[in-house]
Amino acid sequence: MSPTGPAASDFPALSAQGHVTFLGAGPGDPGLLTLRAVEALASADVLVAEPDVLGVVRCHARASVSTPELTVVDAQSAAAGVPVLRDAANLVMEAVRGGRRVVRAVAGDPGLDGNAGAEMLACAAAGIPFEVVPGVANVVGVPAYAGVPLRDEQGADVRFVDARTASDRCWTEVGASDATAVVSTTLDAVAAAAGELVSAGRKPDTPLTVTVAGTTTRQRTWAATLGTIAQVLKQAKVLPSPEGHRPVIAVVGERSSAAQRDQLAWFESKPLFGWKVLVPRTKEQAASLSDQLRSYGAVPHEVPTIAVEPPRTPQQMERAVKGLVTGRYEWIAFTSVNAVKAVREKFEEYGLDARAFAGIKVAAVGEQTAAALVDFGVKPDLVPSGEQSAAGLLEDWPPYDPVFDPIDRVFLPRADIATETLVAGLIELGWEVDDVTAYRTVRASPPPSDTREAIKGGGFDAVLFTSSSTVRNLVGIAGKPHNVTVIACIGPATAKTAEEHGLRVDVLSPEPSVHKLAEALAEFGARRREAAKEAGDPVTRPSERRPGARRRRTTT
């Protein structure tokens, strides 16, 4: 026996079986997964989850994880548009008996999921080890995102009711109390649940909020009273609807009053809440920008317009990289994240790492390029203190000094279509420049047909153009954005190209930075939201405006 204790193989009965983790995936926002949930997902062999939960948890599992498809076993519910998936227990048992680690993911919290409870009992009866990873319950998370606190400083009872299974006694008890009632129901059954509470003694003027798709960027909340909710949903043209079966969380009580929610609705009041924003960039470049847009409540949709490919003749790049190692250069200047990636890939091809930059000064054109270098293990010596561009880099670049600079040569790896601004400026400062094509930029393939139709038909609320080439390429592969779409450009040159293609520019970034561009769009959205509220109009997204409506030019 080893000093650390017996191995699993010392107990054949246990090692032959796997392990089950019952995991709460929360109400829908992937950011609400717990750290322990992410840990369990990363080690899972099998992931068993309903379709609406799978999208939240799948990205944290290994690429090789098995995701068996649940089948419908309740024909009546399937006909109603809400199929009940109940073969999960069999799938879990089959996988765990094969010695695999199984994650059984459910919406919300597994402790509030009756079917998960039954599956836990089945594991216990079979002697199968399991654990429970709690999640944010729908009945708690959704009201929090809707700006509806369930308790205040005076304290109050909170009652949770599942309208689908609630008994007459349950409705009577909740109706006779002054407790905050959190009701799980469906959109088309909200009025019936409100009627049950009024019949049981609640006053018809008791405040009520109803939230659908809670904690996601599709979230929508209506404020009413028990007596007016049916009329409010009808006037909002929410009902009748084929999507009436969608689950909702209704909160009944004084804490859900409209006046209070106006102050506390932090999520739905984000400046770009629900905006579908087109990000036409390369996939690698779009990631950080998309994350920033999500923080403003937007739904980014990445459409690659530029594909990055190796140079047609790699010999020049190979000689330059070897020159880095042999001391040919005093400086290397990176003008893009793609240039960093190209050099890094060439280093890895030769078995080199960041130590090969020892003794060489490194310049980066901006913060994103600098971050890519730091990720590589290289801290740049020079990043523009002002404008993040070739011109800004030249402003801070030191002139060649034969006394202090033993070598007068700069290695400049860049795109095949890059401008000559930096090369000319460095030569003027006295430097010799090896201007090397590190990668080629070519037009990407057209996006799927539904994306093209959304672009041309006004399905997007905004599009961010980060260069003139993204304008030309997007129009070339997908067509011109509809005139209701807000056009945001990173700088005057990009705006000019957009206007040349017949686009009206609404937002202009104050600096040539993708993050400043996203920030400028968020400020535009915030002003638009405030203007609508001041005018007493409903807050809508640009894509919800009447197609063909005239739009005023507004820049920031």
Protein backbone atom coordinates (compact mmCIF):
# COMPACT_ATOMS: atom_id res chain seq x y z
CA MET A 1 0.00 0.00 0.00
CA SER A 2 1.32 3.43 -0.90
CA PRO A 3 1.89 6.04 1.83
CA THR A 4 -0.94 8.16 0.40
CA GLY A 5 -3.52 5.44 0.92
CA PRO A 6 -5.13 2.70 -1.16
CA ALA A 7 -5.66 3.14 -4.89
CA ALA A 8 -9.07 2.87 -6.50
CA SER A 9 -8.00 -0.42 -8.06
CA ASP A 10 -7.74 -1.91 -4.53
CA PHE A 11 -11.54 -1.81 -4.50
CA PRO A 12 -12.71 -3.46 -7.75
CA ALA A 13 -16.41 -2.92 -6.95
CA LEU A 14 -15.89 0.83 -6.74
CA SER A 15 -13.37 1.30 -9.54
CA ALA A 16 -15.64 -0.58 -11.95
CA GLN A 17 -18.32 2.05 -11.41
CA GLY A 18 -18.16 5.65 -12.34
CA HIS A 19 -19.36 8.75 -10.57
CA VAL A 20 -22.29 11.10 -11.11
CA THR A 21 -22.35 14.86 -10.55
CA PHE A 22 -25.80 16.40 -10.39
CA LEU A 23 -25.13 19.94 -11.47
CA GLY A 24 -27.21 23.12 -11.45
CA ALA A 25 -26.72 25.10 -14.67
CA GLY A 26 -28.54 28.17 -13.38
CA PRO A 27 -31.33 30.14 -15.05
CA GLY A 28 -29.63 30.70 -18.43
CA ASP A 29 -26.75 33.16 -18.07
CA PRO A 30 -23.57 31.07 -18.58
CA GLY A 31 -21.74 33.45 -16.24
CA LEU A 32 -23.79 32.15 -13.31
CA LEU A 33 -22.15 28.72 -13.37
CA THR A 34 -20.17 28.11 -10.19
CA LEU A 35 -16.43 27.41 -10.16
CA ARG A 36 -17.14 23.90 -8.92
CA ALA A 37 -19.55 23.35 -11.82
CA VAL A 38 -16.87 24.36 -14.34
CA GLU A 39 -14.42 22.00 -12.60
CA ALA A 40 -16.83 19.06 -12.79
CA LEU A 41 -17.65 19.73 -16.44
CA ALA A 42 -13.95 19.80 -17.38
CA SER A 43 -13.48 16.23 -16.12
CA ALA A 44 -16.73 14.71 -17.42
CA ASP A 45 -16.74 11.73 -19.78
CA VAL A 46 -20.50 11.95 -20.37
CA LEU A 47 -22.73 15.03 -20.21
CA VAL A 48 -26.47 14.45 -19.89
CA ALA A 49 -28.52 17.64 -20.27
CA GLU A 50 -31.72 18.99 -21.79
CA PRO A 51 -31.21 20.98 -25.02
CA ASP A 52 -31.85 24.35 -23.33
CA VAL A 53 -29.17 23.59 -20.73
CA LEU A 54 -26.62 21.95 -23.01
CA GLY A 55 -25.63 25.24 -24.65
CA VAL A 56 -24.77 26.74 -21.25
CA VAL A 57 -22.53 23.91 -20.04
CA ARG A 58 -21.08 22.30 -23.18
CA CYS A 59 -18.32 24.88 -23.69
CA HIS A 60 -16.74 23.96 -20.35
CA ALA A 61 -16.50 20.24 -21.16
CA ARG A 62 -13.76 18.50 -23.12
CA ALA A 63 -14.11 18.19 -26.87
CA SER A 64 -14.29 14.40 -26.48
CA VAL A 65 -17.19 14.43 -24.00
CA SER A 66 -20.17 12.29 -24.98
CA THR A 67 -23.53 14.10 -25.04
CA PRO A 68 -26.24 11.44 -25.53
CA GLU A 69 -29.49 12.89 -26.83
CA LEU A 70 -32.51 12.74 -24.58
CA THR A 71 -35.67 11.38 -26.16
CA VAL A 72 -39.28 12.42 -25.69
CA VAL A 73 -41.25 9.95 -23.61
CA ASP A 74 -44.32 12.07 -22.93
CA ALA A 75 -46.38 12.30 -26.12
CA GLN A 76 -49.02 14.57 -24.60
CA SER A 77 -46.50 17.23 -23.59
CA ALA A 78 -44.76 16.92 -26.96
CA ALA A 79 -48.03 17.74 -28.71
CA ALA A 80 -48.37 20.83 -26.53
CA GLY A 81 -44.94 22.03 -27.62
CA VAL A 82 -43.23 21.23 -24.31
CA PRO A 83 -41.69 17.76 -24.68
CA VAL A 84 -40.80 16.12 -21.38
CA LEU A 85 -37.49 14.32 -21.56
CA ARG A 86 -37.41 11.50 -19.09
CA ASP A 87 -34.87 8.90 -20.18
CA ALA A 88 -32.08 10.80 -18.39
CA ALA A 89 -31.98 8.30 -15.52
CA ASN A 90 -31.37 5.39 -17.91
CA LEU A 91 -28.62 7.29 -19.73
CA VAL A 92 -26.94 8.20 -16.45
CA MET A 93 -27.08 4.63 -15.11
CA GLU A 94 -25.79 3.12 -18.34
CA ALA A 95 -22.83 5.50 -18.48
CA VAL A 96 -21.87 5.31 -14.83
CA ARG A 97 -21.94 1.51 -14.80
CA GLY A 98 -19.40 1.65 -17.60
CA GLY A 99 -17.01 3.33 -15.18
CA ARG A 100 -17.36 6.82 -16.61
CA ARG A 101 -17.66 10.21 -14.92
CA VAL A 102 -21.12 11.56 -15.65
CA VAL A 103 -22.40 15.10 -15.26
CA ARG A 104 -26.16 15.37 -15.12
CA ALA A 105 -26.95 19.05 -15.72
CA VAL A 106 -30.34 20.55 -14.96
CA ALA A 107 -31.68 24.10 -15.24
CA GLY A 108 -31.55 26.14 -12.06
CA ASP A 109 -30.67 24.11 -8.99
CA PRO A 110 -30.84 20.29 -8.78
CA GLY A 111 -32.35 20.50 -5.29
CA LEU A 112 -35.46 22.11 -6.79
CA ASP A 113 -35.70 19.66 -9.69
CA GLY A 114 -37.95 16.75 -8.75
CA ASN A 115 -36.64 14.52 -11.52
CA ALA A 116 -33.04 15.09 -10.44
CA GLY A 117 -34.10 14.09 -6.93
CA ALA A 118 -35.53 10.83 -8.23
CA GLU A 119 -32.32 10.16 -10.17
CA MET A 120 -30.24 10.74 -7.02
CA LEU A 121 -32.37 8.20 -5.15
CA ALA A 122 -31.82 5.70 -7.97
CA CYS A 123 -28.05 6.20 -7.69
CA ALA A 124 -28.19 5.78 -3.92
CA ALA A 125 -30.22 2.57 -4.25
CA ALA A 126 -27.72 1.18 -6.75
CA GLY A 127 -24.73 2.11 -4.60
CA ILE A 128 -23.43 4.56 -7.20
CA PRO A 129 -21.37 7.43 -5.77
CA PHE A 130 -22.67 10.89 -6.61
CA GLU A 131 -22.29 14.51 -5.61
CA VAL A 132 -24.48 17.60 -5.95
CA VAL A 133 -23.20 20.92 -7.25
CA PRO A 134 -25.83 23.58 -6.45
CA GLY A 135 -26.75 26.17 -9.03
CA VAL A 136 -28.53 29.52 -9.00
CA ALA A 137 -32.22 28.63 -8.81
CA ASN A 138 -34.49 30.13 -11.47
CA VAL A 139 -36.87 31.41 -8.80
CA VAL A 140 -34.04 33.41 -7.21
CA GLY A 141 -31.83 34.33 -10.18
CA VAL A 142 -34.55 35.57 -12.53
CA PRO A 143 -36.10 38.08 -10.09
CA ALA A 144 -32.60 39.36 -9.27
CA TYR A 145 -31.94 40.05 -12.98
CA ALA A 146 -35.40 41.59 -13.34
CA GLY A 147 -34.68 44.09 -10.55
CA VAL A 148 -37.22 42.57 -8.17
CA PRO A 149 -35.86 41.90 -4.65
CA LEU A 150 -37.76 39.19 -2.83
CA ARG A 151 -37.22 40.68 0.63
CA ASP A 152 -36.53 44.12 2.11
CA GLU A 153 -35.19 45.46 5.41
CA GLN A 154 -38.50 44.68 7.14
CA GLY A 155 -38.22 41.09 6.05
CA ALA A 156 -41.05 39.10 4.54
CA ASP A 157 -42.09 35.55 3.95
CA VAL A 158 -41.30 34.25 0.47
CA ARG A 159 -43.36 31.46 -1.00
CA PHE A 160 -42.35 29.54 -4.11
CA VAL A 161 -45.19 28.09 -6.18
CA ASP A 162 -45.04 25.82 -9.22
CA ALA A 163 -48.33 26.60 -10.93
CA ARG A 164 -48.23 23.35 -12.86
CA THR A 165 -48.43 21.20 -9.74
CA ALA A 166 -49.90 23.59 -7.13
CA SER A 167 -52.88 22.23 -5.20
CA ASP A 168 -55.98 24.17 -4.18
CA ARG A 169 -54.61 24.21 -0.64
CA CYS A 170 -51.37 25.79 -1.87
CA TRP A 171 -53.22 28.59 -3.71
CA THR A 172 -55.44 29.18 -0.66
CA GLU A 173 -52.49 29.48 1.71
CA VAL A 174 -50.51 31.83 -0.56
CA GLY A 175 -53.60 33.89 -1.40
CA ALA A 176 -54.50 34.36 2.26
CA SER A 177 -50.99 35.55 3.20
CA ASP A 178 -49.07 38.74 2.48
CA ALA A 179 -45.93 36.82 1.54
CA THR A 180 -44.02 37.54 -1.64
CA ALA A 181 -45.08 34.82 -4.04
CA VAL A 182 -42.66 33.61 -6.72
CA VAL A 183 -44.67 31.64 -9.25
CA SER A 184 -43.12 29.36 -11.87
CA THR A 185 -45.55 29.08 -14.77
CA THR A 186 -45.82 29.65 -18.52
CA LEU A 187 -46.60 32.82 -20.42
CA ASP A 188 -50.10 31.76 -21.43
CA ALA A 189 -50.92 30.54 -17.89
CA VAL A 190 -49.89 33.70 -16.02
CA ALA A 191 -53.39 35.17 -16.04
CA ALA A 192 -54.85 31.94 -14.71
CA ALA A 193 -52.30 31.88 -11.86
CA ALA A 194 -53.14 35.51 -11.07
CA GLY A 195 -56.83 34.57 -11.00
CA GLU A 196 -56.14 31.75 -8.54
CA LEU A 197 -54.44 34.19 -6.16
CA VAL A 198 -57.25 36.76 -6.43
CA SER A 199 -59.83 34.03 -5.81
CA ALA A 200 -57.86 32.97 -2.74
CA GLY A 201 -57.88 36.47 -1.24
CA ARG A 202 -55.12 38.56 -2.80
CA LYS A 203 -56.25 42.05 -3.85
CA PRO A 204 -56.49 42.57 -7.62
CA ASP A 205 -54.27 45.68 -7.34
CA THR A 206 -51.36 43.67 -5.89
CA PRO A 207 -48.23 44.43 -7.99
CA LEU A 208 -46.94 41.69 -10.26
CA THR A 209 -43.95 41.28 -12.58
CA VAL A 210 -43.61 38.61 -15.23
CA THR A 211 -40.19 37.76 -16.70
CA VAL A 212 -39.52 35.54 -19.69
CA ALA A 213 -36.06 34.24 -20.74
CA GLY A 214 -34.67 35.50 -17.46
CA THR A 215 -30.91 36.20 -17.09
CA THR A 216 -30.36 36.05 -20.86
CA THR A 217 -30.17 38.90 -23.36
CA ARG A 218 -33.65 37.84 -24.55
CA GLN A 219 -35.06 38.69 -21.11
CA ARG A 220 -38.21 40.77 -21.04
CA THR A 221 -40.22 41.87 -18.02
CA TRP A 222 -43.76 43.25 -17.79
CA ALA A 223 -45.06 45.08 -14.71
CA ALA A 224 -48.77 44.94 -13.94
CA THR A 225 -51.15 43.88 -11.16
CA LEU A 226 -52.95 40.63 -10.56
CA GLY A 227 -56.06 42.18 -12.07
CA THR A 228 -54.44 43.75 -15.15
CA ILE A 229 -51.77 41.26 -16.23
CA ALA A 230 -53.95 39.63 -18.91
CA GLN A 231 -54.70 43.03 -20.46
CA VAL A 232 -51.05 44.16 -20.26
CA LEU A 233 -49.80 41.07 -22.10
CA LYS A 234 -52.51 41.46 -24.73
CA GLN A 235 -51.75 45.17 -25.29
CA ALA A 236 -48.04 44.35 -25.57
CA LYS A 237 -49.00 41.83 -28.27
CA VAL A 238 -47.27 39.11 -26.28
CA LEU A 239 -50.40 36.97 -26.21
CA PRO A 240 -51.91 35.17 -27.91
CA SER A 241 -48.73 33.64 -29.30
CA PRO A 242 -47.47 30.25 -30.48
CA GLU A 243 -44.72 30.76 -27.90
CA GLY A 244 -47.20 30.92 -25.04
CA HIS A 245 -45.70 27.76 -23.55
CA ARG A 246 -42.44 29.55 -22.70
CA PRO A 247 -41.62 29.36 -18.98
CA VAL A 248 -41.79 32.55 -16.93
CA ILE A 249 -41.17 33.64 -13.37
CA ALA A 250 -43.89 35.84 -11.86
CA VAL A 251 -43.28 37.75 -8.64
CA VAL A 252 -46.33 38.87 -6.68
CA GLY A 253 -46.03 41.46 -3.89
CA GLU A 254 -45.24 45.06 -3.08
CA ARG A 255 -41.52 44.59 -3.78
CA SER A 256 -42.34 44.00 -7.45
CA SER A 257 -44.01 47.39 -7.92
CA ALA A 258 -43.21 49.19 -11.15
CA ALA A 259 -41.82 52.26 -9.35
CA GLN A 260 -39.30 50.17 -7.46
CA ARG A 261 -38.34 48.11 -10.49
CA ASP A 262 -37.57 51.25 -12.51
CA GLN A 263 -34.77 51.94 -10.06
CA LEU A 264 -33.51 48.37 -9.73
CA ALA A 265 -33.79 46.93 -13.26
CA TRP A 266 -30.01 46.91 -13.73
CA PHE A 267 -29.88 44.16 -16.36
CA GLU A 268 -32.49 45.25 -18.87
CA SER A 269 -31.28 48.87 -18.61
CA LYS A 270 -27.81 48.07 -19.96
CA PRO A 271 -27.05 50.45 -22.85
CA LEU A 272 -27.11 47.81 -25.59
CA PHE A 273 -29.46 45.34 -23.94
CA GLY A 274 -30.64 42.78 -26.47
CA TRP A 275 -28.94 44.52 -29.41
CA LYS A 276 -27.75 42.08 -32.03
CA VAL A 277 -24.37 43.48 -33.05
CA LEU A 278 -22.45 42.32 -36.10
CA VAL A 279 -18.71 42.03 -35.52
CA PRO A 280 -17.06 41.66 -38.95
CA ARG A 281 -13.52 40.66 -38.04
CA THR A 282 -11.31 37.60 -38.01
CA LYS A 283 -12.42 35.07 -35.41
CA GLU A 284 -9.34 35.54 -33.22
CA GLN A 285 -9.61 39.31 -33.21
CA ALA A 286 -13.35 39.33 -32.44
CA ALA A 287 -13.17 37.53 -29.07
CA SER A 288 -12.23 40.40 -26.74
CA LEU A 289 -14.50 42.83 -28.58
CA SER A 290 -17.43 40.41 -28.29
CA ASP A 291 -16.80 40.03 -24.55
CA GLN A 292 -16.94 43.80 -24.14
CA LEU A 293 -20.17 44.01 -26.12
CA ARG A 294 -21.73 41.33 -23.90
CA SER A 295 -20.86 43.42 -20.85
CA TYR A 296 -23.09 46.14 -22.34
CA GLY A 297 -25.94 43.63 -22.79
CA ALA A 298 -25.45 43.08 -26.52
CA VAL A 299 -25.58 39.81 -28.44
CA PRO A 300 -22.45 39.83 -30.64
CA HIS A 301 -22.54 37.89 -33.90
CA GLU A 302 -19.08 37.30 -35.33
CA VAL A 303 -18.80 37.19 -39.10
CA PRO A 304 -15.26 36.73 -40.39
CA THR A 305 -14.67 39.02 -43.35
CA ILE A 306 -10.91 38.56 -43.51
CA ALA A 307 -9.07 35.26 -43.56
CA VAL A 308 -5.41 35.21 -42.58
CA GLU A 309 -3.11 32.97 -44.61
CA PRO A 310 0.67 32.37 -44.68
CA PRO A 311 2.74 34.34 -47.22
CA ARG A 312 3.03 32.76 -50.66
CA THR A 313 6.83 32.72 -50.37
CA PRO A 314 7.86 31.95 -46.76
CA GLN A 315 11.62 32.19 -47.34
CA GLN A 316 11.81 35.91 -46.49
CA MET A 317 10.02 35.35 -43.19
CA GLU A 318 12.25 32.38 -42.38
CA ARG A 319 15.42 34.41 -42.99
CA ALA A 320 14.15 37.26 -40.82
CA VAL A 321 13.30 34.97 -37.88
CA LYS A 322 16.75 33.41 -38.10
CA GLY A 323 18.16 36.95 -38.16
CA LEU A 324 16.45 37.62 -34.82
CA VAL A 325 18.44 34.79 -33.26
CA THR A 326 21.75 35.73 -34.88
CA GLY A 327 21.65 39.39 -33.83
CA ARG A 328 20.72 41.05 -37.13
CA TYR A 329 18.16 43.42 -35.57
CA GLU A 330 18.08 46.13 -32.92
CA TRP A 331 14.25 46.34 -32.99
CA ILE A 332 11.22 44.29 -34.00
CA ALA A 333 7.95 46.17 -34.47
CA PHE A 334 4.57 44.44 -34.28
CA THR A 335 1.68 46.29 -35.90
CA SER A 336 -1.07 43.72 -35.25
CA VAL A 337 -2.06 40.69 -33.24
CA ASN A 338 -1.80 38.67 -36.45
CA ALA A 339 1.87 39.68 -36.82
CA VAL A 340 2.55 38.41 -33.29
CA LYS A 341 0.78 35.17 -34.14
CA ALA A 342 2.76 34.73 -37.37
CA VAL A 343 6.13 35.18 -35.64
CA ARG A 344 5.08 32.97 -32.74
CA GLU A 345 4.06 30.16 -35.09
CA LYS A 346 7.40 30.42 -36.89
CA PHE A 347 9.23 30.32 -33.54
CA GLU A 348 7.35 27.16 -32.55
CA GLU A 349 8.19 25.63 -35.92
CA TYR A 350 11.89 26.11 -35.13
CA GLY A 351 11.59 25.05 -31.49
CA LEU A 352 12.17 28.60 -30.23
CA ASP A 353 10.36 30.50 -27.49
CA ALA A 354 10.25 34.04 -26.09
CA ARG A 355 13.87 33.79 -24.90
CA ALA A 356 14.94 34.34 -28.53
CA PHE A 357 13.95 38.02 -28.07
CA ALA A 358 16.75 38.54 -25.53
CA GLY A 359 18.72 41.66 -26.39
CA ILE A 360 16.17 42.87 -28.95
CA LYS A 361 13.92 45.86 -28.35
CA VAL A 362 10.23 45.13 -29.03
CA ALA A 363 7.59 47.64 -30.12
CA ALA A 364 3.81 47.14 -30.25
CA VAL A 365 1.39 49.40 -32.10
CA GLY A 366 -1.28 49.24 -29.38
CA GLU A 367 -2.67 47.61 -26.26
CA GLN A 368 -4.13 44.54 -27.97
CA THR A 369 -0.89 43.79 -29.78
CA ALA A 370 1.02 44.35 -26.53
CA ALA A 371 -1.32 41.92 -24.74
CA ALA A 372 -0.66 39.27 -27.41
CA LEU A 373 3.08 39.74 -26.85
CA VAL A 374 2.72 39.43 -23.08
CA ASP A 375 0.74 36.21 -23.63
CA PHE A 376 3.75 35.02 -25.67
CA GLY A 377 6.03 35.89 -22.76
CA VAL A 378 7.42 39.14 -24.19
CA LYS A 379 7.02 42.53 -22.53
CA PRO A 380 7.19 45.26 -25.21
CA ASP A 381 9.67 48.08 -24.70
CA LEU A 382 7.62 50.59 -26.66
CA VAL A 383 3.85 51.12 -26.93
CA PRO A 384 2.53 54.47 -28.24
CA SER A 385 1.70 56.89 -25.46
CA GLY A 386 -0.83 58.63 -27.70
CA GLU A 387 -2.65 57.41 -30.80
CA GLN A 388 -2.49 53.64 -31.20
CA SER A 389 -1.45 53.55 -34.83
CA ALA A 390 1.65 53.56 -37.02
CA ALA A 391 1.72 57.35 -36.75
CA GLY A 392 1.45 57.15 -32.97
CA LEU A 393 4.27 54.61 -32.85
CA LEU A 394 6.50 56.89 -34.92
CA GLU A 395 5.81 59.78 -32.53
CA ASP A 396 7.54 57.84 -29.73
CA TRP A 397 10.14 55.94 -31.79
CA PRO A 398 13.72 57.10 -31.07
CA PRO A 399 15.94 58.17 -33.97
CA TYR A 400 18.88 55.97 -34.81
CA ASP A 401 21.96 56.91 -32.78
CA PRO A 402 25.22 55.20 -33.86
CA VAL A 403 26.66 55.76 -30.37
CA PHE A 404 23.88 53.99 -28.45
CA ASP A 405 22.51 51.66 -31.12
CA PRO A 406 25.01 48.97 -32.14
CA ILE A 407 22.68 47.80 -34.93
CA ASP A 408 20.66 50.05 -37.23
CA ARG A 409 18.11 47.53 -38.50
CA VAL A 410 14.41 47.00 -37.67
CA PHE A 411 12.42 43.84 -38.43
CA LEU A 412 8.85 44.71 -39.41
CA PRO A 413 6.60 41.62 -39.85
CA ARG A 414 3.22 42.66 -41.23
CA ALA A 415 0.37 42.07 -43.65
CA ASP A 416 0.79 42.05 -47.40
CA ILE A 417 -1.60 45.00 -47.77
CA ALA A 418 -0.16 47.19 -45.01
CA THR A 419 0.51 50.86 -45.74
CA GLU A 420 4.01 52.30 -46.03
CA THR A 421 3.58 54.89 -43.27
CA LEU A 422 5.69 53.10 -40.66
CA VAL A 423 8.43 52.05 -43.08
CA ALA A 424 8.86 55.58 -44.45
CA GLY A 425 8.85 57.08 -40.96
CA LEU A 426 11.49 54.67 -39.63
CA ILE A 427 13.76 55.34 -42.62
CA GLU A 428 13.38 59.07 -41.99
CA LEU A 429 14.51 58.46 -38.39
CA GLY A 430 17.67 56.83 -39.70
CA TRP A 431 16.77 53.15 -39.45
CA GLU A 432 17.16 50.39 -42.01
CA VAL A 433 13.94 48.36 -42.27
CA ASP A 434 13.40 44.74 -43.25
CA ASP A 435 9.76 45.01 -44.32
CA VAL A 436 8.63 41.38 -44.36
CA THR A 437 5.26 39.90 -45.34
CA ALA A 438 4.41 37.73 -42.33
CA TYR A 439 0.86 36.92 -43.42
CA ARG A 440 -1.66 37.61 -46.16
CA THR A 441 -5.18 38.90 -45.67
CA VAL A 442 -7.78 37.59 -48.08
CA ARG A 443 -11.53 38.00 -48.26
CA ALA A 444 -13.34 35.36 -46.22
CA SER A 445 -16.06 33.08 -47.55
CA PRO A 446 -19.64 34.43 -47.48
CA PRO A 447 -21.55 33.83 -44.22
CA PRO A 448 -24.60 31.50 -44.12
CA SER A 449 -27.67 32.64 -46.06
CA ASP A 450 -29.69 33.49 -42.92
CA THR A 451 -26.90 35.83 -41.77
CA ARG A 452 -26.77 37.50 -45.18
CA GLU A 453 -30.54 38.00 -45.10
CA ALA A 454 -30.34 39.47 -41.59
CA ILE A 455 -27.65 41.93 -42.72
CA LYS A 456 -29.60 43.12 -45.74
CA GLY A 457 -33.04 42.89 -44.11
CA GLY A 458 -32.38 44.87 -40.92
CA GLY A 459 -32.00 41.90 -38.57
CA PHE A 460 -28.95 43.45 -36.91
CA ASP A 461 -29.17 46.44 -34.60
CA ALA A 462 -25.61 47.61 -35.22
CA VAL A 463 -22.45 46.74 -37.11
CA LEU A 464 -18.91 47.64 -36.02
CA PHE A 465 -16.44 48.44 -38.76
CA THR A 466 -12.85 48.30 -37.55
CA SER A 467 -11.12 49.10 -40.85
CA SER A 468 -11.86 50.10 -44.43
CA SER A 469 -11.21 46.51 -45.51
CA THR A 470 -13.95 45.20 -43.19
CA VAL A 471 -16.40 47.57 -44.90
CA ARG A 472 -15.39 46.49 -48.40
CA ASN A 473 -15.24 42.81 -47.52
CA LEU A 474 -18.54 42.68 -45.64
CA VAL A 475 -20.39 44.41 -48.45
CA GLY A 476 -18.62 42.14 -50.92
CA ILE A 477 -19.47 38.84 -49.23
CA ALA A 478 -22.82 39.61 -47.59
CA GLY A 479 -24.30 42.80 -49.04
CA LYS A 480 -24.95 46.27 -47.66
CA PRO A 481 -26.42 46.57 -44.13
CA HIS A 482 -30.03 47.76 -43.98
CA ASN A 483 -30.63 51.46 -43.31
CA VAL A 484 -32.12 50.82 -39.84
CA THR A 485 -28.82 49.28 -38.71
CA VAL A 486 -26.59 51.56 -36.64
CA ILE A 487 -23.20 51.92 -38.34
CA ALA A 488 -20.19 52.41 -36.05
CA CYS A 489 -16.71 53.10 -37.45
CA ILE A 490 -13.30 53.06 -35.79
CA GLY A 491 -11.98 56.21 -37.49
CA PRO A 492 -12.46 58.82 -40.22
CA ALA A 493 -10.88 56.70 -42.97
CA THR A 494 -13.19 53.77 -42.20
CA ALA A 495 -16.18 56.14 -42.00
CA LYS A 496 -15.29 57.59 -45.40
CA THR A 497 -15.18 54.10 -46.93
CA ALA A 498 -18.55 53.29 -45.34
CA GLU A 499 -20.08 56.44 -46.79
CA GLU A 500 -18.61 55.63 -50.21
CA HIS A 501 -20.56 52.37 -50.01
CA GLY A 502 -23.79 54.25 -49.31
CA LEU A 503 -23.85 53.72 -45.54
CA ARG A 504 -24.86 56.40 -43.03
CA VAL A 505 -22.34 56.51 -40.17
CA ASP A 506 -24.02 56.93 -36.76
CA VAL A 507 -21.09 56.38 -34.39
CA LEU A 508 -17.45 57.40 -34.78
CA SER A 509 -14.90 56.18 -32.24
CA PRO A 510 -12.98 59.02 -30.53
CA GLU A 511 -9.79 56.92 -30.80
CA PRO A 512 -8.67 54.20 -33.25
CA SER A 513 -9.28 51.43 -30.72
CA VAL A 514 -11.82 48.61 -30.95
CA HIS A 515 -12.58 48.98 -27.26
CA LYS A 516 -13.20 52.71 -27.62
CA LEU A 517 -15.41 51.90 -30.59
CA ALA A 518 -17.54 49.50 -28.51
CA GLU A 519 -17.64 52.09 -25.73
CA ALA A 520 -18.83 54.74 -28.18
CA LEU A 521 -21.60 52.43 -29.41
CA ALA A 522 -22.68 51.81 -25.80
CA GLU A 523 -22.84 55.57 -25.17
CA PHE A 524 -24.93 55.96 -28.32
CA GLY A 525 -27.29 53.24 -27.06
CA ALA A 526 -27.55 54.84 -23.63
CA ARG A 527 -28.46 58.22 -25.10
CA ARG A 528 -31.00 56.61 -27.39
CA ARG A 529 -32.58 54.80 -24.42
CA GLU A 530 -32.77 57.98 -22.33
CA ALA A 531 -34.30 59.95 -25.21
CA ALA A 532 -37.04 57.35 -25.62
CA LYS A 533 -37.82 57.37 -21.90
CA GLU A 534 -37.92 61.17 -21.73
CA ALA A 535 -40.31 61.23 -24.68
CA GLY A 536 -42.51 58.62 -23.03
CA ASP A 537 -41.84 56.16 -25.84
CA PRO A 538 -41.11 52.47 -25.36
CA VAL A 539 -37.43 51.56 -25.44
CA THR A 540 -36.87 49.59 -28.63
CA ARG A 541 -33.88 48.28 -30.51
CA PRO A 542 -32.99 49.77 -33.92
CA SER A 543 -34.06 46.56 -35.67
CA GLU A 544 -37.55 46.98 -34.16
CA ARG A 545 -38.07 50.31 -35.92
CA ARG A 546 -40.21 50.58 -39.00
CA PRO A 547 -38.16 49.46 -42.01
CA GLY A 548 -37.29 52.37 -44.27
CA ALA A 549 -37.72 54.99 -41.54
CA ARG A 550 -35.45 58.00 -41.95
CA ARG A 551 -32.55 58.20 -39.53
CA ARG A 552 -30.59 61.24 -38.51
CA ARG A 553 -26.83 61.16 -38.64
CA THR A 554 -25.35 61.17 -35.15
CA THR A 555 -21.67 60.86 -34.37
CA THR A 556 -19.79 60.46 -31.14
